Amino acid sequence: FRVTQATVSRDIRELKLTKISQGGGKKKYVMLSDMGGEG
């Protein structure tokens, strides 16, 4: 996939991904839910 950081940033926002702490100062992206919206 030929992508830029800006494209990935938009995708992260649209997919509603968030970062969670893994301990030791490390974080990772996770998908909060497949539901979408206020739920």
PDB file of all heavy atoms in Angstrom:
ATOM      1  N   PHE A   1       0.858  -1.183   0.000  1.00  0.00           N
ATOM      2  CA  PHE A   1       0.000   0.000   0.000  1.00  0.00           C
ATOM      3  C   PHE A   1       0.891   1.229   0.000  1.00  0.00           C
ATOM      4  O   PHE A   1       1.715   1.401   0.887  1.00  0.00           O
ATOM      5  CB  PHE A   1      -0.900   0.018   1.247  1.00  0.00           C
ATOM      6  CG  PHE A   1      -1.911  -1.079   1.289  1.00  0.00           C
ATOM      7  CD1 PHE A   1      -1.590  -2.327   1.810  1.00  0.00           C
ATOM      8  CD2 PHE A   1      -3.181  -0.878   0.796  1.00  0.00           C
ATOM      9  CE1 PHE A   1      -2.518  -3.342   1.852  1.00  0.00           C
ATOM     10  CE2 PHE A   1      -4.119  -1.892   0.838  1.00  0.00           C
ATOM     11  CZ  PHE A   1      -3.787  -3.132   1.361  1.00  0.00           C
ATOM     12  N   ARG A   2       0.759   2.070  -0.991  1.00  0.00           N
ATOM     13  CA  ARG A   2       1.564   3.290  -1.063  1.00  0.00           C
ATOM     14  C   ARG A   2       0.796   4.386  -0.343  1.00  0.00           C
ATOM     15  O   ARG A   2      -0.165   4.943  -0.876  1.00  0.00           O
ATOM     16  CB  ARG A   2       1.838   3.679  -2.517  1.00  0.00           C
ATOM     17  CG  ARG A   2       2.648   2.639  -3.259  1.00  0.00           C
ATOM     18  CD  ARG A   2       4.056   2.537  -2.664  1.00  0.00           C
ATOM     19  NE  ARG A   2       4.705   1.298  -3.092  1.00  0.00           N
ATOM     20  CZ  ARG A   2       5.303   0.452  -2.281  1.00  0.00           C
ATOM     21  NH1 ARG A   2       5.370   0.686  -1.000  1.00  0.00           N
ATOM     22  NH2 ARG A   2       5.866  -0.633  -2.732  1.00  0.00           N
ATOM     23  N   VAL A   3       1.200   4.664   0.910  1.00  0.00           N
ATOM     24  CA  VAL A   3       0.487   5.633   1.732  1.00  0.00           C
ATOM     25  C   VAL A   3       1.457   6.626   2.353  1.00  0.00           C
ATOM     26  O   VAL A   3       2.646   6.350   2.496  1.00  0.00           O
ATOM     27  CB  VAL A   3      -0.297   4.931   2.871  1.00  0.00           C
ATOM     28  CG1 VAL A   3      -1.399   4.052   2.323  1.00  0.00           C
ATOM     29  CG2 VAL A   3       0.622   4.138   3.778  1.00  0.00           C
ATOM     30  N   THR A   4       0.907   7.756   2.722  1.00  0.00           N
ATOM     31  CA  THR A   4       1.669   8.765   3.458  1.00  0.00           C
ATOM     32  C   THR A   4       1.182   8.763   4.903  1.00  0.00           C
ATOM     33  O   THR A   4       0.133   8.195   5.225  1.00  0.00           O
ATOM     34  CB  THR A   4       1.448  10.167   2.864  1.00  0.00           C
ATOM     35  OG1 THR A   4       0.066  10.511   3.038  1.00  0.00           O
ATOM     36  CG2 THR A   4       1.819  10.215   1.383  1.00  0.00           C
ATOM     37  N   GLN A   5       1.914   9.440   5.748  1.00  0.00           N
ATOM     38  CA  GLN A   5       1.524   9.543   7.153  1.00  0.00           C
ATOM     39  C   GLN A   5       0.186  10.260   7.267  1.00  0.00           C
ATOM     40  O   GLN A   5      -0.643   9.922   8.114  1.00  0.00           O
ATOM     41  CB  GLN A   5       2.625  10.271   7.942  1.00  0.00           C
ATOM     42  CG  GLN A   5       2.379  10.364   9.438  1.00  0.00           C
ATOM     43  CD  GLN A   5       1.615  11.620   9.819  1.00  0.00           C
ATOM     44  OE1 GLN A   5       1.699  12.646   9.163  1.00  0.00           O
ATOM     45  NE2 GLN A   5       0.856  11.521  10.888  1.00  0.00           N
ATOM     46  N   ALA A   6      -0.078  11.240   6.423  1.00  0.00           N
ATOM     47  CA  ALA A   6      -1.353  11.973   6.456  1.00  0.00           C
ATOM     48  C   ALA A   6      -2.528  11.037   6.150  1.00  0.00           C
ATOM     49  O   ALA A   6      -3.584  11.128   6.785  1.00  0.00           O
ATOM     50  CB  ALA A   6      -1.317  13.128   5.473  1.00  0.00           C
ATOM     51  N   THR A   7      -2.342  10.138   5.183  1.00  0.00           N
ATOM     52  CA  THR A   7      -3.388   9.171   4.845  1.00  0.00           C
ATOM     53  C   THR A   7      -3.642   8.241   6.018  1.00  0.00           C
ATOM     54  O   THR A   7      -4.796   7.970   6.391  1.00  0.00           O
ATOM     55  CB  THR A   7      -2.992   8.347   3.607  1.00  0.00           C
ATOM     56  OG1 THR A   7      -2.791   9.243   2.517  1.00  0.00           O
ATOM     57  CG2 THR A   7      -4.049   7.325   3.251  1.00  0.00           C
ATOM     58  N   VAL A   8      -2.581   7.765   6.636  1.00  0.00           N
ATOM     59  CA  VAL A   8      -2.708   6.864   7.791  1.00  0.00           C
ATOM     60  C   VAL A   8      -3.406   7.597   8.939  1.00  0.00           C
ATOM     61  O   VAL A   8      -4.262   7.036   9.621  1.00  0.00           O
ATOM     62  CB  VAL A   8      -1.333   6.315   8.209  1.00  0.00           C
ATOM     63  CG1 VAL A   8      -1.399   5.607   9.549  1.00  0.00           C
ATOM     64  CG2 VAL A   8      -0.793   5.376   7.134  1.00  0.00           C
ATOM     65  N   SER A   9      -3.078   8.858   9.141  1.00  0.00           N
ATOM     66  CA  SER A   9      -3.703   9.655  10.189  1.00  0.00           C
ATOM     67  C   SER A   9      -5.213   9.752   9.981  1.00  0.00           C
ATOM     68  O   SER A   9      -5.999   9.577  10.915  1.00  0.00           O
ATOM     69  CB  SER A   9      -3.084  11.053  10.210  1.00  0.00           C
ATOM     70  OG  SER A   9      -3.694  11.843  11.202  1.00  0.00           O
ATOM     71  N   ARG A  10      -5.632  10.009   8.734  1.00  0.00           N
ATOM     72  CA  ARG A  10      -7.074  10.069   8.415  1.00  0.00           C
ATOM     73  C   ARG A  10      -7.738   8.715   8.653  1.00  0.00           C
ATOM     74  O   ARG A  10      -8.832   8.634   9.200  1.00  0.00           O
ATOM     75  CB  ARG A  10      -7.296  10.522   6.973  1.00  0.00           C
ATOM     76  CG  ARG A  10      -7.214  12.018   6.778  1.00  0.00           C
ATOM     77  CD  ARG A  10      -7.679  12.431   5.390  1.00  0.00           C
ATOM     78  NE  ARG A  10      -6.886  11.852   4.318  1.00  0.00           N
ATOM     79  CZ  ARG A  10      -5.739  12.351   3.868  1.00  0.00           C
ATOM     80  NH1 ARG A  10      -5.251  13.450   4.403  1.00  0.00           N
ATOM     81  NH2 ARG A  10      -5.089  11.770   2.888  1.00  0.00           N
ATOM     82  N   ASP A  11      -7.059   7.642   8.228  1.00  0.00           N
ATOM     83  CA  ASP A  11      -7.617   6.294   8.428  1.00  0.00           C
ATOM     84  C   ASP A  11      -7.790   5.992   9.909  1.00  0.00           C
ATOM     85  O   ASP A  11      -8.819   5.441  10.316  1.00  0.00           O
ATOM     86  CB  ASP A  11      -6.725   5.240   7.768  1.00  0.00           C
ATOM     87  CG  ASP A  11      -6.821   5.238   6.255  1.00  0.00           C
ATOM     88  OD1 ASP A  11      -7.814   5.765   5.703  1.00  0.00           O
ATOM     89  OD2 ASP A  11      -5.897   4.692   5.615  1.00  0.00           O
ATOM     90  N   ILE A  12      -6.808   6.353  10.710  1.00  0.00           N
ATOM     91  CA  ILE A  12      -6.888   6.118  12.155  1.00  0.00           C
ATOM     92  C   ILE A  12      -8.089   6.849  12.742  1.00  0.00           C
ATOM     93  O   ILE A  12      -8.845   6.293  13.543  1.00  0.00           O
ATOM     94  CB  ILE A  12      -5.574   6.539  12.848  1.00  0.00           C
ATOM     95  CG1 ILE A  12      -4.471   5.527  12.524  1.00  0.00           C
ATOM     96  CG2 ILE A  12      -5.763   6.694  14.359  1.00  0.00           C
ATOM     97  CD1 ILE A  12      -3.078   5.955  12.941  1.00  0.00           C
ATOM     98  N   ARG A  13      -8.280   8.080  12.322  1.00  0.00           N
ATOM     99  CA  ARG A  13      -9.416   8.877  12.802  1.00  0.00           C
ATOM    100  C   ARG A  13     -10.741   8.259  12.361  1.00  0.00           C
ATOM    101  O   ARG A  13     -11.669   8.107  13.158  1.00  0.00           O
ATOM    102  CB  ARG A  13      -9.275  10.314  12.309  1.00  0.00           C
ATOM    103  CG  ARG A  13     -10.167  11.301  12.995  1.00  0.00           C
ATOM    104  CD  ARG A  13      -9.852  12.755  12.669  1.00  0.00           C
ATOM    105  NE  ARG A  13      -9.538  13.032  11.274  1.00  0.00           N
ATOM    106  CZ  ARG A  13      -8.318  13.241  10.792  1.00  0.00           C
ATOM    107  NH1 ARG A  13      -7.277  13.202  11.583  1.00  0.00           N
ATOM    108  NH2 ARG A  13      -8.121  13.501   9.526  1.00  0.00           N
ATOM    109  N   GLU A  14     -10.842   7.864  11.093  1.00  0.00           N
ATOM    110  CA  GLU A  14     -12.084   7.284  10.576  1.00  0.00           C
ATOM    111  C   GLU A  14     -12.391   5.929  11.208  1.00  0.00           C
ATOM    112  O   GLU A  14     -13.563   5.596  11.423  1.00  0.00           O
ATOM    113  CB  GLU A  14     -12.000   7.135   9.054  1.00  0.00           C
ATOM    114  CG  GLU A  14     -12.076   8.449   8.318  1.00  0.00           C
ATOM    115  CD  GLU A  14     -11.899   8.298   6.815  1.00  0.00           C
ATOM    116  OE1 GLU A  14     -11.997   7.177   6.295  1.00  0.00           O
ATOM    117  OE2 GLU A  14     -11.655   9.338   6.155  1.00  0.00           O
ATOM    118  N   LEU A  15     -11.356   5.150  11.499  1.00  0.00           N
ATOM    119  CA  LEU A  15     -11.548   3.835  12.112  1.00  0.00           C
ATOM    120  C   LEU A  15     -11.758   3.927  13.626  1.00  0.00           C
ATOM    121  O   LEU A  15     -12.020   2.923  14.278  1.00  0.00           O
ATOM    122  CB  LEU A  15     -10.349   2.931  11.814  1.00  0.00           C
ATOM    123  CG  LEU A  15     -10.200   2.495  10.370  1.00  0.00           C
ATOM    124  CD1 LEU A  15      -8.833   1.862  10.132  1.00  0.00           C
ATOM    125  CD2 LEU A  15     -11.320   1.541   9.976  1.00  0.00           C
ATOM    126  N   LYS A  16     -11.618   5.139  14.160  1.00  0.00           N
ATOM    127  CA  LYS A  16     -11.761   5.384  15.596  1.00  0.00           C
ATOM    128  C   LYS A  16     -10.800   4.516  16.410  1.00  0.00           C
ATOM    129  O   LYS A  16     -11.175   3.907  17.405  1.00  0.00           O
ATOM    130  CB  LYS A  16     -13.205   5.175  16.043  1.00  0.00           C
ATOM    131  CG  LYS A  16     -14.148   6.156  15.391  1.00  0.00           C
ATOM    132  CD  LYS A  16     -15.562   5.988  15.859  1.00  0.00           C
ATOM    133  CE  LYS A  16     -16.408   7.021  15.128  1.00  0.00           C
ATOM    134  NZ  LYS A  16     -17.805   6.796  15.269  1.00  0.00           N
ATOM    135  N   LEU A  17      -9.550   4.495  15.952  1.00  0.00           N
ATOM    136  CA  LEU A  17      -8.522   3.770  16.690  1.00  0.00           C
ATOM    137  C   LEU A  17      -8.023   4.661  17.825  1.00  0.00           C
ATOM    138  O   LEU A  17      -8.071   5.884  17.730  1.00  0.00           O
ATOM    139  CB  LEU A  17      -7.351   3.405  15.775  1.00  0.00           C
ATOM    140  CG  LEU A  17      -7.670   2.542  14.564  1.00  0.00           C
ATOM    141  CD1 LEU A  17      -6.396   2.232  13.787  1.00  0.00           C
ATOM    142  CD2 LEU A  17      -8.387   1.268  14.963  1.00  0.00           C
ATOM    143  N   THR A  18      -7.544   4.030  18.856  1.00  0.00           N
ATOM    144  CA  THR A  18      -6.969   4.769  19.962  1.00  0.00           C
ATOM    145  C   THR A  18      -5.724   4.033  20.439  1.00  0.00           C
ATOM    146  O   THR A  18      -5.526   2.875  20.098  1.00  0.00           O
ATOM    147  CB  THR A  18      -7.969   4.934  21.124  1.00  0.00           C
ATOM    148  OG1 THR A  18      -7.437   5.854  22.074  1.00  0.00           O
ATOM    149  CG2 THR A  18      -8.269   3.604  21.792  1.00  0.00           C
ATOM    150  N   LYS A  19      -4.912   4.724  21.196  1.00  0.00           N
ATOM    151  CA  LYS A  19      -3.719   4.098  21.763  1.00  0.00           C
ATOM    152  C   LYS A  19      -4.004   3.738  23.212  1.00  0.00           C
ATOM    153  O   LYS A  19      -4.628   4.513  23.936  1.00  0.00           O
ATOM    154  CB  LYS A  19      -2.527   5.051  21.726  1.00  0.00           C
ATOM    155  CG  LYS A  19      -1.859   5.139  20.400  1.00  0.00           C
ATOM    156  CD  LYS A  19      -0.590   5.948  20.553  1.00  0.00           C
ATOM    157  CE  LYS A  19       0.136   6.078  19.247  1.00  0.00           C
ATOM    158  NZ  LYS A  19       1.374   6.831  19.404  1.00  0.00           N
ATOM    159  N   ILE A  20      -3.529   2.563  23.609  1.00  0.00           N
ATOM    160  CA  ILE A  20      -3.615   2.177  25.005  1.00  0.00           C
ATOM    161  C   ILE A  20      -2.207   1.884  25.511  1.00  0.00           C
ATOM    162  O   ILE A  20      -1.323   1.533  24.736  1.00  0.00           O
ATOM    163  CB  ILE A  20      -4.532   0.959  25.244  1.00  0.00           C
ATOM    164  CG1 ILE A  20      -4.003  -0.282  24.527  1.00  0.00           C
ATOM    165  CG2 ILE A  20      -5.961   1.279  24.860  1.00  0.00           C
ATOM    166  CD1 ILE A  20      -4.656  -1.564  24.958  1.00  0.00           C
ATOM    167  N   SER A  21      -2.040   2.031  26.802  1.00  0.00           N
ATOM    168  CA  SER A  21      -0.748   1.768  27.427  1.00  0.00           C
ATOM    169  C   SER A  21      -0.549   0.277  27.597  1.00  0.00           C
ATOM    170  O   SER A  21      -1.471  -0.449  27.945  1.00  0.00           O
ATOM    171  CB  SER A  21      -0.706   2.462  28.786  1.00  0.00           C
ATOM    172  OG  SER A  21       0.482   2.151  29.444  1.00  0.00           O
ATOM    173  N   GLN A  22       0.681  -0.174  27.348  1.00  0.00           N
ATOM    174  CA  GLN A  22       1.040  -1.570  27.544  1.00  0.00           C
ATOM    175  C   GLN A  22       1.969  -1.735  28.730  1.00  0.00           C
ATOM    176  O   GLN A  22       2.437  -2.823  28.998  1.00  0.00           O
ATOM    177  CB  GLN A  22       1.750  -2.109  26.302  1.00  0.00           C
ATOM    178  CG  GLN A  22       0.889  -2.198  25.100  1.00  0.00           C
ATOM    179  CD  GLN A  22       1.660  -2.850  23.994  1.00  0.00           C
ATOM    180  OE1 GLN A  22       2.353  -2.184  23.243  1.00  0.00           O
ATOM    181  NE2 GLN A  22       1.570  -4.156  23.902  1.00  0.00           N
ATOM    182  N   GLY A  23       2.244  -0.674  29.426  1.00  0.00           N
ATOM    183  CA  GLY A  23       3.203  -0.727  30.517  1.00  0.00           C
ATOM    184  C   GLY A  23       4.600  -0.479  29.990  1.00  0.00           C
ATOM    185  O   GLY A  23       4.873  -0.645  28.806  1.00  0.00           O
ATOM    186  N   GLY A  24       5.478  -0.058  30.848  1.00  0.00           N
ATOM    187  CA  GLY A  24       6.851   0.221  30.445  1.00  0.00           C
ATOM    188  C   GLY A  24       6.963   1.370  29.469  1.00  0.00           C
ATOM    189  O   GLY A  24       7.925   1.447  28.718  1.00  0.00           O
ATOM    190  N   GLY A  25       5.968   2.241  29.454  1.00  0.00           N
ATOM    191  CA  GLY A  25       5.999   3.381  28.557  1.00  0.00           C
ATOM    192  C   GLY A  25       5.617   3.086  27.121  1.00  0.00           C
ATOM    193  O   GLY A  25       5.609   3.970  26.281  1.00  0.00           O
ATOM    194  N   LYS A  26       5.301   1.833  26.810  1.00  0.00           N
ATOM    195  CA  LYS A  26       4.923   1.466  25.447  1.00  0.00           C
ATOM    196  C   LYS A  26       3.424   1.600  25.264  1.00  0.00           C
ATOM    197  O   LYS A  26       2.655   1.350  26.177  1.00  0.00           O
ATOM    198  CB  LYS A  26       5.362   0.038  25.152  1.00  0.00           C
ATOM    199  CG  LYS A  26       6.878  -0.140  25.214  1.00  0.00           C
ATOM    200  CD  LYS A  26       7.292  -1.401  24.552  1.00  0.00           C
ATOM    201  CE  LYS A  26       7.492  -1.017  23.120  1.00  0.00           C
ATOM    202  NZ  LYS A  26       7.899  -1.971  22.200  1.00  0.00           N
ATOM    203  N   LYS A  27       3.043   1.976  24.071  1.00  0.00           N
ATOM    204  CA  LYS A  27       1.630   2.094  23.709  1.00  0.00           C
ATOM    205  C   LYS A  27       1.390   1.345  22.415  1.00  0.00           C
ATOM    206  O   LYS A  27       2.331   1.012  21.698  1.00  0.00           O
ATOM    207  CB  LYS A  27       1.231   3.554  23.561  1.00  0.00           C
ATOM    208  CG  LYS A  27       1.312   4.331  24.853  1.00  0.00           C
ATOM    209  CD  LYS A  27       0.831   5.748  24.644  1.00  0.00           C
ATOM    210  CE  LYS A  27       0.954   6.524  25.923  1.00  0.00           C
ATOM    211  NZ  LYS A  27      -0.281   6.725  26.589  1.00  0.00           N
ATOM    212  N   LYS A  28       0.113   1.104  22.110  1.00  0.00           N
ATOM    213  CA  LYS A  28      -0.223   0.489  20.833  1.00  0.00           C
ATOM    214  C   LYS A  28      -1.617   0.921  20.419  1.00  0.00           C
ATOM    215  O   LYS A  28      -2.443   1.304  21.243  1.00  0.00           O
ATOM    216  CB  LYS A  28      -0.138  -1.034  20.916  1.00  0.00           C
ATOM    217  CG  LYS A  28      -1.225  -1.678  21.737  1.00  0.00           C
ATOM    218  CD  LYS A  28      -1.132  -3.187  21.635  1.00  0.00           C
ATOM    219  CE  LYS A  28      -2.267  -3.845  22.387  1.00  0.00           C
ATOM    220  NZ  LYS A  28      -2.283  -5.279  22.194  1.00  0.00           N
ATOM    221  N   TYR A  29      -1.847   0.871  19.104  1.00  0.00           N
ATOM    222  CA  TYR A  29      -3.168   1.186  18.581  1.00  0.00           C
ATOM    223  C   TYR A  29      -4.098   0.004  18.771  1.00  0.00           C
ATOM    224  O   TYR A  29      -3.712  -1.150  18.594  1.00  0.00           O
ATOM    225  CB  TYR A  29      -3.097   1.507  17.081  1.00  0.00           C
ATOM    226  CG  TYR A  29      -2.594   2.899  16.798  1.00  0.00           C
ATOM    227  CD1 TYR A  29      -1.308   3.118  16.334  1.00  0.00           C
ATOM    228  CD2 TYR A  29      -3.415   3.999  17.013  1.00  0.00           C
ATOM    229  CE1 TYR A  29      -0.846   4.394  16.080  1.00  0.00           C
ATOM    230  CE2 TYR A  29      -2.960   5.284  16.764  1.00  0.00           C
ATOM    231  CZ  TYR A  29      -1.687   5.468  16.298  1.00  0.00           C
ATOM    232  OH  TYR A  29      -1.242   6.733  16.051  1.00  0.00           O
ATOM    233  N   VAL A  30      -5.349   0.310  19.140  1.00  0.00           N
ATOM    234  CA  VAL A  30      -6.401  -0.697  19.226  1.00  0.00           C
ATOM    235  C   VAL A  30      -7.681  -0.102  18.666  1.00  0.00           C
ATOM    236  O   VAL A  30      -7.857   1.114  18.619  1.00  0.00           O
ATOM    237  CB  VAL A  30      -6.653  -1.176  20.673  1.00  0.00           C
ATOM    238  CG1 VAL A  30      -5.453  -1.896  21.239  1.00  0.00           C
ATOM    239  CG2 VAL A  30      -7.091  -0.042  21.569  1.00  0.00           C
ATOM    240  N   MET A  31      -8.552  -0.975  18.261  1.00  0.00           N
ATOM    241  CA  MET A  31      -9.871  -0.562  17.789  1.00  0.00           C
ATOM    242  C   MET A  31     -10.818  -0.646  18.972  1.00  0.00           C
ATOM    243  O   MET A  31     -10.947  -1.697  19.603  1.00  0.00           O
ATOM    244  CB  MET A  31     -10.330  -1.492  16.671  1.00  0.00           C
ATOM    245  CG  MET A  31     -11.615  -1.071  16.049  1.00  0.00           C
ATOM    246  SD  MET A  31     -11.923  -2.140  14.640  1.00  0.00           S
ATOM    247  CE  MET A  31     -13.678  -1.982  14.577  1.00  0.00           C
ATOM    248  N   LEU A  32     -11.460   0.440  19.294  1.00  0.00           N
ATOM    249  CA  LEU A  32     -12.344   0.434  20.450  1.00  0.00           C
ATOM    250  C   LEU A  32     -13.587  -0.406  20.220  1.00  0.00           C
ATOM    251  O   LEU A  32     -14.029  -1.119  21.092  1.00  0.00           O
ATOM    252  CB  LEU A  32     -12.744   1.853  20.826  1.00  0.00           C
ATOM    253  CG  LEU A  32     -11.646   2.692  21.454  1.00  0.00           C
ATOM    254  CD1 LEU A  32     -12.148   4.089  21.754  1.00  0.00           C
ATOM    255  CD2 LEU A  32     -11.127   2.043  22.705  1.00  0.00           C
ATOM    256  N   SER A  33     -14.175  -0.317  19.042  1.00  0.00           N
ATOM    257  CA  SER A  33     -15.412  -1.054  18.804  1.00  0.00           C
ATOM    258  C   SER A  33     -15.765  -1.032  17.340  1.00  0.00           C
ATOM    259  O   SER A  33     -15.372  -0.144  16.613  1.00  0.00           O
ATOM    260  CB  SER A  33     -16.543  -0.419  19.609  1.00  0.00           C
ATOM    261  OG  SER A  33     -17.766  -1.014  19.301  1.00  0.00           O
ATOM    262  N   ASP A  34     -16.520  -2.002  16.923  1.00  0.00           N
ATOM    263  CA  ASP A  34     -17.038  -2.018  15.555  1.00  0.00           C
ATOM    264  C   ASP A  34     -18.366  -1.271  15.457  1.00  0.00           C
ATOM    265  O   ASP A  34     -18.931  -1.163  14.381  1.00  0.00           O
ATOM    266  CB  ASP A  34     -17.257  -3.460  15.089  1.00  0.00           C
ATOM    267  CG  ASP A  34     -15.955  -4.173  14.806  1.00  0.00           C
ATOM    268  OD1 ASP A  34     -14.979  -3.527  14.428  1.00  0.00           O
ATOM    269  OD2 ASP A  34     -15.952  -5.400  14.952  1.00  0.00           O
ATOM    270  N   MET A  35     -18.885  -0.780  16.590  1.00  0.00           N
ATOM    271  CA  MET A  35     -20.231  -0.206  16.612  1.00  0.00           C
ATOM    272  C   MET A  35     -20.326   1.161  15.953  1.00  0.00           C
ATOM    273  O   MET A  35     -21.289   1.440  15.261  1.00  0.00           O
ATOM    274  CB  MET A  35     -20.725  -0.081  18.044  1.00  0.00           C
ATOM    275  CG  MET A  35     -21.050  -1.404  18.662  1.00  0.00           C
ATOM    276  SD  MET A  35     -21.583  -1.193  20.335  1.00  0.00           S
ATOM    277  CE  MET A  35     -22.779   0.108  20.142  1.00  0.00           C
ATOM    278  N   GLY A  36     -19.421   2.063  16.267  1.00  0.00           N
ATOM    279  CA  GLY A  36     -19.493   3.425  15.752  1.00  0.00           C
ATOM    280  C   GLY A  36     -20.527   4.245  16.494  1.00  0.00           C
ATOM    281  O   GLY A  36     -21.384   3.731  17.193  1.00  0.00           O
ATOM    282  N   GLY A  37     -20.423   5.545  16.366  1.00  0.00           N
ATOM    283  CA  GLY A  37     -21.420   6.432  16.928  1.00  0.00           C
ATOM    284  C   GLY A  37     -21.286   6.629  18.427  1.00  0.00           C
ATOM    285  O   GLY A  37     -20.298   6.291  19.053  1.00  0.00           O
ATOM    286  N   GLU A  38     -22.345   7.179  19.029  1.00  0.00           N
ATOM    287  CA  GLU A  38     -22.339   7.521  20.436  1.00  0.00           C
ATOM    288  C   GLU A  38     -22.350   6.294  21.328  1.00  0.00           C
ATOM    289  O   GLU A  38     -21.984   6.371  22.492  1.00  0.00           O
ATOM    290  CB  GLU A  38     -23.539   8.407  20.756  1.00  0.00           C
ATOM    291  CG  GLU A  38     -23.461   9.768  20.101  1.00  0.00           C
ATOM    292  CD  GLU A  38     -24.694  10.595  20.360  1.00  0.00           C
ATOM    293  OE1 GLU A  38     -25.497  10.206  21.231  1.00  0.00           O
ATOM    294  OE2 GLU A  38     -24.845  11.616  19.699  1.00  0.00           O
ATOM    295  N   GLY A  39     -22.783   5.148  20.845  1.00  0.00           N
ATOM    296  CA  GLY A  39     -22.844   3.944  21.650  1.00  0.00           C
ATOM    297  C   GLY A  39     -21.492   3.566  22.217  1.00  0.00           C
ATOM    298  O   GLY A  39     -21.408   3.056  23.327  1.00  0.00           O
TER     299      GLY A  39
END
